[in-house]
Amino acid sequence: TGCASQYSITESEIEQYLNKDMHFEVKQGNKLIGVSLKLNDMQVVLGAKPNTMAVTAATVITVNNPLLPIHAKLKTTFEAVPWYDSNT
């Protein structure tokens, strides 16, 4: 006898996982002088290019200093070819 199964995953399921489990935040320094970096708001696109997955993330950077605090937003997109190893 044999067993065949197929599993599919949606863009929404990947996006929910990344937003829930893959956020990143770093703070260095103190309230007067320091840097804060926060990576969040993941968006996933499957199939826009054949066999490719794209992840877009929003990054917020704040540099605190006594003269002029600096705030910046950066939007970055990473593309990769997903793979699956049935042994692991």
PDB file of N, CA and C in Angstrom:
ATOM      1  N   THR A   1       0.840  -1.181   0.000  1.00  0.00           N
ATOM      2  CA  THR A   1       0.000   0.000   0.000  1.00  0.00           C
ATOM      3  C   THR A   1       0.877   1.233   0.000  1.00  0.00           C
ATOM      4  N   GLY A   2       0.320   2.323  -0.383  1.00  0.00           N
ATOM      5  CA  GLY A   2       1.081   3.567  -0.416  1.00  0.00           C
ATOM      6  C   GLY A   2       0.214   4.717   0.044  1.00  0.00           C
ATOM      7  N   CYS A   3       0.863   5.769   0.331  1.00  0.00           N
ATOM      8  CA  CYS A   3       0.145   6.958   0.784  1.00  0.00           C
ATOM      9  C   CYS A   3       0.692   8.157   0.017  1.00  0.00           C
ATOM     10  N   ALA A   4      -0.175   8.835  -0.627  1.00  0.00           N
ATOM     11  CA  ALA A   4       0.235  10.050  -1.330  1.00  0.00           C
ATOM     12  C   ALA A   4      -0.495  11.226  -0.699  1.00  0.00           C
ATOM     13  N   SER A   5       0.229  12.256  -0.440  1.00  0.00           N
ATOM     14  CA  SER A   5      -0.411  13.449   0.121  1.00  0.00           C
ATOM     15  C   SER A   5       0.185  14.683  -0.525  1.00  0.00           C
ATOM     16  N   GLN A   6      -0.576  15.711  -0.525  1.00  0.00           N
ATOM     17  CA  GLN A   6      -0.134  16.972  -1.086  1.00  0.00           C
ATOM     18  C   GLN A   6      -0.468  18.061  -0.088  1.00  0.00           C
ATOM     19  N   TYR A   7       0.439  18.980   0.063  1.00  0.00           N
ATOM     20  CA  TYR A   7       0.215  20.079   0.997  1.00  0.00           C
ATOM     21  C   TYR A   7       0.443  21.384   0.260  1.00  0.00           C
ATOM     22  N   SER A   8      -0.440  22.301   0.462  1.00  0.00           N
ATOM     23  CA  SER A   8      -0.246  23.626  -0.134  1.00  0.00           C
ATOM     24  C   SER A   8      -0.346  24.670   0.972  1.00  0.00           C
ATOM     25  N   ILE A   9       0.287  25.792   0.716  1.00  0.00           N
ATOM     26  CA  ILE A   9       0.277  26.877   1.681  1.00  0.00           C
ATOM     27  C   ILE A   9      -0.030  28.171   0.918  1.00  0.00           C
ATOM     28  N   THR A  10      -0.757  29.045   1.548  1.00  0.00           N
ATOM     29  CA  THR A  10      -1.150  30.287   0.872  1.00  0.00           C
ATOM     30  C   THR A  10      -0.245  31.441   1.274  1.00  0.00           C
ATOM     31  N   GLU A  11      -0.298  32.498   0.480  1.00  0.00           N
ATOM     32  CA  GLU A  11       0.447  33.713   0.820  1.00  0.00           C
ATOM     33  C   GLU A  11       0.021  34.227   2.183  1.00  0.00           C
ATOM     34  N   SER A  12      -1.261  34.174   2.444  1.00  0.00           N
ATOM     35  CA  SER A  12      -1.800  34.671   3.710  1.00  0.00           C
ATOM     36  C   SER A  12      -1.256  33.881   4.898  1.00  0.00           C
ATOM     37  N   GLU A  13      -1.158  32.560   4.765  1.00  0.00           N
ATOM     38  CA  GLU A  13      -0.637  31.728   5.860  1.00  0.00           C
ATOM     39  C   GLU A  13       0.830  32.049   6.141  1.00  0.00           C
ATOM     40  N   ILE A  14       1.630  32.225   5.097  1.00  0.00           N
ATOM     41  CA  ILE A  14       3.044  32.572   5.289  1.00  0.00           C
ATOM     42  C   ILE A  14       3.160  33.961   5.908  1.00  0.00           C
ATOM     43  N   GLU A  15       2.374  34.888   5.404  1.00  0.00           N
ATOM     44  CA  GLU A  15       2.405  36.256   5.917  1.00  0.00           C
ATOM     45  C   GLU A  15       2.036  36.307   7.398  1.00  0.00           C
ATOM     46  N   GLN A  16       1.004  35.565   7.785  1.00  0.00           N
ATOM     47  CA  GLN A  16       0.587  35.523   9.195  1.00  0.00           C
ATOM     48  C   GLN A  16       1.701  34.948  10.059  1.00  0.00           C
ATOM     49  N   TYR A  17       2.352  33.875   9.593  1.00  0.00           N
ATOM     50  CA  TYR A  17       3.452  33.270  10.349  1.00  0.00           C
ATOM     51  C   TYR A  17       4.597  34.269  10.514  1.00  0.00           C
ATOM     52  N   LEU A  18       5.009  34.911   9.432  1.00  0.00           N
ATOM     53  CA  LEU A  18       6.134  35.845   9.502  1.00  0.00           C
ATOM     54  C   LEU A  18       5.823  37.027  10.412  1.00  0.00           C
ATOM     55  N   ASN A  19       4.623  37.579  10.300  1.00  0.00           N
ATOM     56  CA  ASN A  19       4.260  38.720  11.142  1.00  0.00           C
ATOM     57  C   ASN A  19       4.163  38.336  12.609  1.00  0.00           C
ATOM     58  N   LYS A  20       3.776  37.106  12.884  1.00  0.00           N
ATOM     59  CA  LYS A  20       3.629  36.657  14.272  1.00  0.00           C
ATOM     60  C   LYS A  20       4.976  36.278  14.884  1.00  0.00           C
ATOM     61  N   ASP A  21       5.796  35.551  14.140  1.00  0.00           N
ATOM     62  CA  ASP A  21       6.990  34.943  14.720  1.00  0.00           C
ATOM     63  C   ASP A  21       8.315  35.553  14.281  1.00  0.00           C
ATOM     64  N   MET A  22       8.315  36.431  13.308  1.00  0.00           N
ATOM     65  CA  MET A  22       9.597  36.917  12.798  1.00  0.00           C
ATOM     66  C   MET A  22       9.686  38.437  12.829  1.00  0.00           C
ATOM     67  N   HIS A  23       9.461  39.017  13.969  1.00  0.00           N
ATOM     68  CA  HIS A  23       9.680  40.449  14.095  1.00  0.00           C
ATOM     69  C   HIS A  23      11.034  40.650  14.792  1.00  0.00           C
ATOM     70  N   PHE A  24      11.625  41.782  14.577  1.00  0.00           N
ATOM     71  CA  PHE A  24      12.975  42.036  15.057  1.00  0.00           C
ATOM     72  C   PHE A  24      13.037  43.470  15.571  1.00  0.00           C
ATOM     73  N   GLU A  25      13.558  43.644  16.772  1.00  0.00           N
ATOM     74  CA  GLU A  25      13.689  44.981  17.338  1.00  0.00           C
ATOM     75  C   GLU A  25      14.984  45.071  18.133  1.00  0.00           C
ATOM     76  N   VAL A  26      15.723  46.146  17.914  1.00  0.00           N
ATOM     77  CA  VAL A  26      16.985  46.372  18.620  1.00  0.00           C
ATOM     78  C   VAL A  26      16.995  47.804  19.130  1.00  0.00           C
ATOM     79  N   LYS A  27      17.415  47.973  20.370  1.00  0.00           N
ATOM     80  CA  LYS A  27      17.595  49.305  20.956  1.00  0.00           C
ATOM     81  C   LYS A  27      18.977  49.373  21.577  1.00  0.00           C
ATOM     82  N   GLN A  28      19.713  50.423  21.246  1.00  0.00           N
ATOM     83  CA  GLN A  28      21.044  50.650  21.798  1.00  0.00           C
ATOM     84  C   GLN A  28      21.092  52.065  22.359  1.00  0.00           C
ATOM     85  N   GLY A  29      21.791  52.237  23.445  1.00  0.00           N
ATOM     86  CA  GLY A  29      21.942  53.573  24.019  1.00  0.00           C
ATOM     87  C   GLY A  29      20.882  53.858  25.068  1.00  0.00           C
ATOM     88  N   ASN A  30      20.614  55.154  25.291  1.00  0.00           N
ATOM     89  CA  ASN A  30      19.633  55.569  26.286  1.00  0.00           C
ATOM     90  C   ASN A  30      18.640  56.538  25.647  1.00  0.00           C
ATOM     91  N   LYS A  31      17.837  57.234  26.448  1.00  0.00           N
ATOM     92  CA  LYS A  31      16.822  58.139  25.898  1.00  0.00           C
ATOM     93  C   LYS A  31      17.428  59.364  25.219  1.00  0.00           C
ATOM     94  N   LEU A  32      18.594  59.806  25.655  1.00  0.00           N
ATOM     95  CA  LEU A  32      19.221  60.982  25.046  1.00  0.00           C
ATOM     96  C   LEU A  32      19.966  60.645  23.760  1.00  0.00           C
ATOM     97  N   ILE A  33      20.780  59.615  23.819  1.00  0.00           N
ATOM     98  CA  ILE A  33      21.580  59.216  22.657  1.00  0.00           C
ATOM     99  C   ILE A  33      21.416  57.718  22.450  1.00  0.00           C
ATOM    100  N   GLY A  34      20.912  57.341  21.291  1.00  0.00           N
ATOM    101  CA  GLY A  34      20.717  55.928  21.027  1.00  0.00           C
ATOM    102  C   GLY A  34      20.086  55.672  19.672  1.00  0.00           C
ATOM    103  N   VAL A  35      19.966  54.399  19.360  1.00  0.00           N
ATOM    104  CA  VAL A  35      19.405  53.967  18.089  1.00  0.00           C
ATOM    105  C   VAL A  35      18.365  52.889  18.351  1.00  0.00           C
ATOM    106  N   SER A  36      17.258  52.960  17.630  1.00  0.00           N
ATOM    107  CA  SER A  36      16.209  51.952  17.704  1.00  0.00           C
ATOM    108  C   SER A  36      15.910  51.486  16.288  1.00  0.00           C
ATOM    109  N   LEU A  37      15.856  50.175  16.087  1.00  0.00           N
ATOM    110  CA  LEU A  37      15.555  49.605  14.784  1.00  0.00           C
ATOM    111  C   LEU A  37      14.463  48.566  14.956  1.00  0.00           C
ATOM    112  N   LYS A  38      13.419  48.644  14.147  1.00  0.00           N
ATOM    113  CA  LYS A  38      12.300  47.724  14.258  1.00  0.00           C
ATOM    114  C   LYS A  38      11.915  47.224  12.863  1.00  0.00           C
ATOM    115  N   LEU A  39      11.891  45.903  12.698  1.00  0.00           N
ATOM    116  CA  LEU A  39      11.523  45.266  11.436  1.00  0.00           C
ATOM    117  C   LEU A  39      10.182  44.590  11.626  1.00  0.00           C
ATOM    118  N   ASN A  40       9.189  44.950  10.796  1.00  0.00           N
ATOM    119  CA  ASN A  40       7.862  44.358  10.952  1.00  0.00           C
ATOM    120  C   ASN A  40       7.065  44.503   9.657  1.00  0.00           C
ATOM    121  N   ASP A  41       5.772  44.250   9.735  1.00  0.00           N
ATOM    122  CA  ASP A  41       4.854  44.371   8.603  1.00  0.00           C
ATOM    123  C   ASP A  41       5.328  43.588   7.382  1.00  0.00           C
ATOM    124  N   MET A  42       5.484  42.284   7.556  1.00  0.00           N
ATOM    125  CA  MET A  42       5.910  41.422   6.464  1.00  0.00           C
ATOM    126  C   MET A  42       4.769  41.215   5.470  1.00  0.00           C
ATOM    127  N   GLN A  43       5.097  41.259   4.192  1.00  0.00           N
ATOM    128  CA  GLN A  43       4.152  40.943   3.122  1.00  0.00           C
ATOM    129  C   GLN A  43       4.802  39.890   2.242  1.00  0.00           C
ATOM    130  N   VAL A  44       4.035  38.872   1.868  1.00  0.00           N
ATOM    131  CA  VAL A  44       4.556  37.756   1.096  1.00  0.00           C
ATOM    132  C   VAL A  44       3.852  37.700  -0.248  1.00  0.00           C
ATOM    133  N   VAL A  45       4.623  37.465  -1.308  1.00  0.00           N
ATOM    134  CA  VAL A  45       4.053  37.277  -2.638  1.00  0.00           C
ATOM    135  C   VAL A  45       4.610  35.976  -3.196  1.00  0.00           C
ATOM    136  N   LEU A  46       3.724  35.062  -3.523  1.00  0.00           N
ATOM    137  CA  LEU A  46       4.115  33.791  -4.121  1.00  0.00           C
ATOM    138  C   LEU A  46       3.731  33.790  -5.594  1.00  0.00           C
ATOM    139  N   GLY A  47       4.647  33.337  -6.446  1.00  0.00           N
ATOM    140  CA  GLY A  47       4.308  33.121  -7.840  1.00  0.00           C
ATOM    141  C   GLY A  47       4.313  34.332  -8.744  1.00  0.00           C
ATOM    142  N   ALA A  48       4.734  35.504  -8.283  1.00  0.00           N
ATOM    143  CA  ALA A  48       4.822  36.660  -9.182  1.00  0.00           C
ATOM    144  C   ALA A  48       5.862  36.383 -10.260  1.00  0.00           C
ATOM    145  N   LYS A  49       6.928  35.703  -9.872  1.00  0.00           N
ATOM    146  CA  LYS A  49       7.923  35.162 -10.804  1.00  0.00           C
ATOM    147  C   LYS A  49       7.878  33.647 -10.620  1.00  0.00           C
ATOM    148  N   PRO A  50       8.074  32.869 -11.663  1.00  0.00           N
ATOM    149  CA  PRO A  50       8.004  31.408 -11.522  1.00  0.00           C
ATOM    150  C   PRO A  50       8.946  30.877 -10.438  1.00  0.00           C
ATOM    151  N   ASN A  51       8.425  30.015  -9.577  1.00  0.00           N
ATOM    152  CA  ASN A  51       9.189  29.346  -8.519  1.00  0.00           C
ATOM    153  C   ASN A  51       9.898  30.311  -7.573  1.00  0.00           C
ATOM    154  N   THR A  52       9.334  31.474  -7.364  1.00  0.00           N
ATOM    155  CA  THR A  52       9.968  32.481  -6.518  1.00  0.00           C
ATOM    156  C   THR A  52       9.003  32.982  -5.455  1.00  0.00           C
ATOM    157  N   MET A  53       9.553  33.249  -4.293  1.00  0.00           N
ATOM    158  CA  MET A  53       8.800  33.831  -3.180  1.00  0.00           C
ATOM    159  C   MET A  53       9.437  35.173  -2.861  1.00  0.00           C
ATOM    160  N   ALA A  54       8.621  36.204  -2.686  1.00  0.00           N
ATOM    161  CA  ALA A  54       9.135  37.532  -2.339  1.00  0.00           C
ATOM    162  C   ALA A  54       8.585  37.933  -0.976  1.00  0.00           C
ATOM    163  N   VAL A  55       9.452  38.473  -0.130  1.00  0.00           N
ATOM    164  CA  VAL A  55       9.057  38.959   1.194  1.00  0.00           C
ATOM    165  C   VAL A  55       9.440  40.437   1.269  1.00  0.00           C
ATOM    166  N   THR A  56       8.461  41.270   1.558  1.00  0.00           N
ATOM    167  CA  THR A  56       8.693  42.699   1.731  1.00  0.00           C
ATOM    168  C   THR A  56       8.499  43.035   3.206  1.00  0.00           C
ATOM    169  N   ALA A  57       9.448  43.765   3.777  1.00  0.00           N
ATOM    170  CA  ALA A  57       9.383  44.116   5.197  1.00  0.00           C
ATOM    171  C   ALA A  57       9.579  45.613   5.363  1.00  0.00           C
ATOM    172  N   ALA A  58       8.881  46.166   6.338  1.00  0.00           N
ATOM    173  CA  ALA A  58       9.032  47.582   6.678  1.00  0.00           C
ATOM    174  C   ALA A  58       9.989  47.696   7.860  1.00  0.00           C
ATOM    175  N   THR A  59      10.903  48.647   7.775  1.00  0.00           N
ATOM    176  CA  THR A  59      11.858  48.891   8.847  1.00  0.00           C
ATOM    177  C   THR A  59      11.727  50.336   9.299  1.00  0.00           C
ATOM    178  N   VAL A  60      11.675  50.536  10.602  1.00  0.00           N
ATOM    179  CA  VAL A  60      11.628  51.876  11.172  1.00  0.00           C
ATOM    180  C   VAL A  60      12.905  52.070  11.999  1.00  0.00           C
ATOM    181  N   ILE A  61      13.622  53.140  11.683  1.00  0.00           N
ATOM    182  CA  ILE A  61      14.877  53.437  12.379  1.00  0.00           C
ATOM    183  C   ILE A  61      14.742  54.800  13.046  1.00  0.00           C
ATOM    184  N   THR A  62      15.129  54.870  14.311  1.00  0.00           N
ATOM    185  CA  THR A  62      15.131  56.132  15.048  1.00  0.00           C
ATOM    186  C   THR A  62      16.509  56.328  15.665  1.00  0.00           C
ATOM    187  N   VAL A  63      17.098  57.495  15.403  1.00  0.00           N
ATOM    188  CA  VAL A  63      18.374  57.857  16.017  1.00  0.00           C
ATOM    189  C   VAL A  63      18.094  59.023  16.957  1.00  0.00           C
ATOM    190  N   ASN A  64      18.263  58.779  18.249  1.00  0.00           N
ATOM    191  CA  ASN A  64      18.038  59.818  19.253  1.00  0.00           C
ATOM    192  C   ASN A  64      19.338  60.551  19.534  1.00  0.00           C
ATOM    193  N   ASN A  65      19.261  61.872  19.549  1.00  0.00           N
ATOM    194  CA  ASN A  65      20.382  62.700  19.967  1.00  0.00           C
ATOM    195  C   ASN A  65      19.803  63.997  20.520  1.00  0.00           C
ATOM    196  N   PRO A  66      20.553  64.734  21.322  1.00  0.00           N
ATOM    197  CA  PRO A  66      20.004  65.926  21.965  1.00  0.00           C
ATOM    198  C   PRO A  66      19.654  67.054  20.989  1.00  0.00           C
ATOM    199  N   LEU A  67      20.283  67.120  19.832  1.00  0.00           N
ATOM    200  CA  LEU A  67      20.050  68.230  18.909  1.00  0.00           C
ATOM    201  C   LEU A  67      18.882  67.983  17.960  1.00  0.00           C
ATOM    202  N   LEU A  68      18.897  66.859  17.252  1.00  0.00           N
ATOM    203  CA  LEU A  68      17.872  66.611  16.241  1.00  0.00           C
ATOM    204  C   LEU A  68      17.650  65.106  16.075  1.00  0.00           C
ATOM    205  N   PRO A  69      16.585  64.568  16.657  1.00  0.00           N
ATOM    206  CA  PRO A  69      16.290  63.147  16.450  1.00  0.00           C
ATOM    207  C   PRO A  69      16.004  62.864  14.971  1.00  0.00           C
ATOM    208  N   ILE A  70      16.435  61.736  14.504  1.00  0.00           N
ATOM    209  CA  ILE A  70      16.248  61.347  13.105  1.00  0.00           C
ATOM    210  C   ILE A  70      15.368  60.106  13.050  1.00  0.00           C
ATOM    211  N   HIS A  71      14.336  60.156  12.200  1.00  0.00           N
ATOM    212  CA  HIS A  71      13.432  59.027  12.002  1.00  0.00           C
ATOM    213  C   HIS A  71      13.468  58.652  10.519  1.00  0.00           C
ATOM    214  N   ALA A  72      13.543  57.362  10.247  1.00  0.00           N
ATOM    215  CA  ALA A  72      13.558  56.910   8.861  1.00  0.00           C
ATOM    216  C   ALA A  72      12.740  55.637   8.728  1.00  0.00           C
ATOM    217  N   LYS A  73      12.121  55.480   7.558  1.00  0.00           N
ATOM    218  CA  LYS A  73      11.390  54.261   7.227  1.00  0.00           C
ATOM    219  C   LYS A  73      12.011  53.679   5.967  1.00  0.00           C
ATOM    220  N   LEU A  74      12.194  52.374   5.972  1.00  0.00           N
ATOM    221  CA  LEU A  74      12.803  51.691   4.845  1.00  0.00           C
ATOM    222  C   LEU A  74      11.941  50.485   4.486  1.00  0.00           C
ATOM    223  N   LYS A  75      11.674  50.311   3.219  1.00  0.00           N
ATOM    224  CA  LYS A  75      10.907  49.158   2.763  1.00  0.00           C
ATOM    225  C   LYS A  75      11.828  48.319   1.884  1.00  0.00           C
ATOM    226  N   THR A  76      12.027  47.054   2.254  1.00  0.00           N
ATOM    227  CA  THR A  76      12.959  46.180   1.571  1.00  0.00           C
ATOM    228  C   THR A  76      12.248  44.926   1.085  1.00  0.00           C
ATOM    229  N   THR A  77      12.608  44.473  -0.107  1.00  0.00           N
ATOM    230  CA  THR A  77      12.043  43.243  -0.650  1.00  0.00           C
ATOM    231  C   THR A  77      13.157  42.235  -0.900  1.00  0.00           C
ATOM    232  N   PHE A  78      12.963  41.025  -0.400  1.00  0.00           N
ATOM    233  CA  PHE A  78      13.886  39.924  -0.611  1.00  0.00           C
ATOM    234  C   PHE A  78      13.180  38.888  -1.480  1.00  0.00           C
ATOM    235  N   GLU A  79      13.904  38.288  -2.411  1.00  0.00           N
ATOM    236  CA  GLU A  79      13.345  37.212  -3.221  1.00  0.00           C
ATOM    237  C   GLU A  79      14.191  35.968  -3.040  1.00  0.00           C
ATOM    238  N   ALA A  80      13.516  34.820  -3.061  1.00  0.00           N
ATOM    239  CA  ALA A  80      14.222  33.550  -2.905  1.00  0.00           C
ATOM    240  C   ALA A  80      13.433  32.444  -3.587  1.00  0.00           C
ATOM    241  N   VAL A  81      14.135  31.363  -3.882  1.00  0.00           N
ATOM    242  CA  VAL A  81      13.481  30.173  -4.417  1.00  0.00           C
ATOM    243  C   VAL A  81      13.254  29.223  -3.247  1.00  0.00           C
ATOM    244  N   PRO A  82      11.985  28.950  -2.913  1.00  0.00           N
ATOM    245  CA  PRO A  82      11.720  28.023  -1.802  1.00  0.00           C
ATOM    246  C   PRO A  82      12.147  26.611  -2.170  1.00  0.00           C
ATOM    247  N   TRP A  83      12.548  25.852  -1.152  1.00  0.00           N
ATOM    248  CA  TRP A  83      12.916  24.459  -1.378  1.00  0.00           C
ATOM    249  C   TRP A  83      12.359  23.616  -0.245  1.00  0.00           C
ATOM    250  N   TYR A  84      12.269  22.355  -0.507  1.00  0.00           N
ATOM    251  CA  TYR A  84      11.720  21.411   0.462  1.00  0.00           C
ATOM    252  C   TYR A  84      12.574  20.167   0.472  1.00  0.00           C
ATOM    253  N   ASP A  85      13.004  19.748   1.649  1.00  0.00           N
ATOM    254  CA  ASP A  85      13.780  18.522   1.808  1.00  0.00           C
ATOM    255  C   ASP A  85      12.904  17.522   2.558  1.00  0.00           C
ATOM    256  N   SER A  86      12.437  16.516   1.861  1.00  0.00           N
ATOM    257  CA  SER A  86      11.509  15.549   2.456  1.00  0.00           C
ATOM    258  C   SER A  86      12.146  14.735   3.589  1.00  0.00           C
ATOM    259  N   ASN A  87      13.467  14.678   3.649  1.00  0.00           N
ATOM    260  CA  ASN A  87      14.129  13.921   4.713  1.00  0.00           C
ATOM    261  C   ASN A  87      14.134  14.659   6.042  1.00  0.00           C
ATOM    262  N   THR A  88      14.052  15.989   5.996  1.00  0.00           N
ATOM    263  CA  THR A  88      14.093  16.746   7.238  1.00  0.00           C
ATOM    264  C   THR A  88      12.788  17.460   7.490  1.00  0.00           C
TER     265      THR A  88
END
